[in-house]
Protein backbone atom coordinates (compact mmCIF):
# COMPACT_ATOMS: atom_id res chain seq x y z
CA MET A 1 95.35 135.74 69.97
CA ALA A 2 92.57 133.18 70.87
CA THR A 3 92.04 130.61 73.53
CA GLU A 4 90.49 127.39 73.92
CA SER A 5 89.04 126.10 77.01
CA ARG A 6 90.42 122.49 77.25
CA THR A 7 88.93 119.72 79.75
CA VAL A 8 91.47 117.98 81.19
CA PRO A 9 91.08 114.66 82.45
CA ALA A 10 90.35 114.01 86.34
CA ARG A 11 94.09 112.36 87.02
CA GLY A 12 94.40 110.33 90.02
CA LEU A 13 92.38 109.20 93.21
CA THR A 14 89.62 111.08 95.03
CA PHE A 15 90.14 112.52 98.58
CA ASP A 16 87.80 109.90 99.50
CA GLU A 17 89.13 106.81 97.75
CA SER A 18 93.03 108.10 99.47
CA ARG A 19 91.04 108.10 103.30
CA LEU A 20 89.25 104.60 101.96
CA LEU A 21 92.54 103.42 101.06
CA LEU A 22 95.00 105.19 104.16
CA GLY A 23 92.42 103.57 106.27
CA LEU A 24 93.12 99.85 105.08
CA GLY A 25 96.70 100.17 105.32
CA LEU A 26 96.29 101.71 108.61
CA SER A 27 94.36 98.37 109.35
CA ILE A 28 96.01 96.11 107.50
CA ALA A 29 99.51 97.83 109.23
CA LEU A 30 97.74 97.07 112.80
CA VAL A 31 96.66 93.13 112.00
CA ALA A 32 99.61 92.30 111.00
CA GLY A 33 101.44 93.94 114.05
CA VAL A 34 98.79 92.29 116.61
CA VAL A 35 99.56 89.07 114.50
CA PHE A 36 103.57 89.46 115.30
CA ARG A 37 103.14 90.29 118.48
CA VAL A 38 101.08 86.93 119.29
CA VAL A 39 103.03 84.55 117.35
CA GLY A 40 106.24 85.94 116.39
CA HIS A 41 108.17 84.57 117.91
CA LEU A 42 107.56 81.58 116.41
CA VAL A 43 107.43 82.22 112.71
CA LEU A 44 110.89 84.80 112.86
CA ASP A 45 112.87 82.85 114.88
CA PRO A 46 116.18 82.82 113.63
CA SER A 47 117.30 79.89 115.04
CA ASN A 48 114.55 78.24 112.86
CA PRO A 49 115.51 79.14 109.21
CA ALA A 50 112.79 77.09 107.13
CA VAL A 51 110.25 78.51 108.94
CA VAL A 52 111.80 82.24 107.97
CA ALA A 53 112.36 80.69 104.44
CA ALA A 54 108.34 79.54 104.29
CA VAL A 55 107.15 83.09 105.55
CA PHE A 56 108.73 85.10 103.16
CA VAL A 57 108.03 82.86 100.75
CA VAL A 58 104.68 83.55 101.58
CA THR A 59 104.93 86.71 101.71
CA VAL A 60 104.96 87.26 98.19
CA PRO A 61 101.97 85.74 97.21
CA THR A 62 99.88 87.06 99.68
CA MET A 63 101.17 90.84 99.83
CA TRP A 64 100.34 90.10 95.52
CA VAL A 65 97.11 88.47 96.06
CA LEU A 66 95.51 91.00 98.50
CA ALA A 67 97.00 94.32 97.36
CA ALA A 68 95.43 93.26 93.16
CA GLY A 69 92.29 92.50 95.41
CA ILE A 70 92.07 96.12 96.91
CA PHE A 71 93.09 97.30 93.15
CA ARG A 72 90.21 95.39 91.62
CA TRP A 73 87.58 95.55 94.10
CA ARG A 74 88.51 99.34 94.52
CA GLY A 75 88.96 99.80 89.74
CA HIS A 76 91.66 100.68 90.53
CA THR A 77 93.47 100.63 86.71
CA ASP A 78 96.97 102.06 85.10
CA GLY A 79 97.94 105.46 86.94
CA ALA A 80 94.78 104.90 89.66
CA ARG A 81 96.73 101.18 90.38
CA ARG A 82 100.65 102.63 90.94
CA GLU A 83 98.62 105.23 92.94
CA ALA A 84 97.33 103.05 95.16
CA ALA A 85 99.41 101.12 95.76
CA ALA A 86 101.69 104.04 96.84
CA VAL A 87 99.17 105.32 98.92
CA LEU A 88 98.37 101.93 100.49
CA VAL A 89 101.48 101.16 101.59
CA VAL A 90 102.64 104.51 103.77
CA PRO A 91 100.79 104.21 106.65
CA GLY A 92 101.92 100.94 107.07
CA MET A 93 105.56 101.76 106.98
CA LEU A 94 105.26 105.19 109.13
CA VAL A 95 103.91 102.42 111.51
CA ASP A 96 106.30 100.03 110.93
CA ALA A 97 108.98 102.31 110.98
CA ALA A 98 107.91 103.17 114.40
CA SER A 99 107.36 99.03 115.45
CA THR A 100 110.81 98.38 114.16
CA ALA A 101 112.82 101.07 115.95
CA LEU A 102 111.46 100.41 119.03
CA PHE A 103 111.33 97.03 118.27
CA GLN A 104 112.37 95.25 121.55
CA VAL A 105 109.53 97.15 123.86
CA VAL A 106 107.11 96.53 121.10
CA TYR A 107 107.73 93.08 119.86
CA PRO A 108 108.63 92.26 123.68
CA ASN A 109 108.09 87.85 122.80
CA MET A 110 110.14 87.79 119.72
CA VAL A 111 114.22 87.73 120.47
CA VAL A 112 116.54 90.31 119.07
CA SER A 113 118.28 88.60 116.86
CA ALA A 114 114.80 88.96 114.52
CA ALA A 115 115.34 92.55 114.42
CA GLY A 116 116.39 92.13 110.47
CA LEU A 117 114.22 89.20 109.82
CA PHE A 118 111.09 91.54 111.09
CA GLY A 119 112.64 94.20 109.27
CA GLY A 120 113.11 92.74 106.01
CA LEU A 121 110.31 91.12 105.61
CA LEU A 122 108.43 94.40 106.34
CA LEU A 123 110.40 95.54 103.80
CA LEU A 124 109.64 92.26 100.69
CA ALA A 125 106.38 93.20 101.47
CA TYR A 126 105.51 96.88 101.22
CA ALA A 127 107.59 95.91 97.70
CA THR A 128 105.57 93.78 96.62
CA ILE A 129 102.64 95.48 97.53
CA LEU A 130 104.08 98.52 95.16
CA VAL A 131 104.69 95.89 91.80
CA ALA A 132 101.10 94.93 92.38
CA GLY A 133 100.44 98.20 91.32
CA PHE A 134 103.00 99.08 88.18
CA VAL A 135 102.43 95.02 87.30
CA GLU A 136 99.16 93.66 86.25
CA LEU A 137 99.02 89.77 86.26
CA PRO A 138 96.51 88.22 83.94
CA LEU A 139 93.78 86.00 85.56
CA GLY A 140 93.27 83.24 82.93
CA ASN A 141 90.31 81.15 83.16
CA ARG A 142 91.59 77.77 83.81
CA LYS A 143 89.02 75.99 81.54
CA THR A 144 89.71 78.19 78.38
CA GLY A 145 93.09 79.49 79.44
CA ALA A 146 92.07 82.46 77.68
CA ALA A 147 92.91 85.69 79.69
CA ALA A 148 90.60 87.54 82.16
CA GLU A 149 88.82 91.16 80.23
CA PRO A 150 90.53 93.80 82.80
């Protein structure tokens, strides 16, 4: 019986790349946490649904651009892009699991009735990053209308 040697191409992210993405995800979550600690009562005020709606609407393109920028900066495509999206959101999801459970302690400036809005906003942000890992929107050249090369 003859044996044949196969070279399997490396798949997935390297350990160093995963560490970098985990660090970025943690940094983004901590910065967002500080922002909500400072201005959360202004942007997630249940008595002001127009502002809350605007925050939800702005979150999707903001998170998409942030995620797509990171993927492009790091050169992630296809499977690596999907894996990068998952690795990017994990630290924030862990931090935010604690911050939402301890909502009144972590965000004393926000009314307790804003906790649901905050949790929903977090889910929307993380879902947007994950979807951005699976769906790459073509960035067109505004002058010619041609799609950018991958």
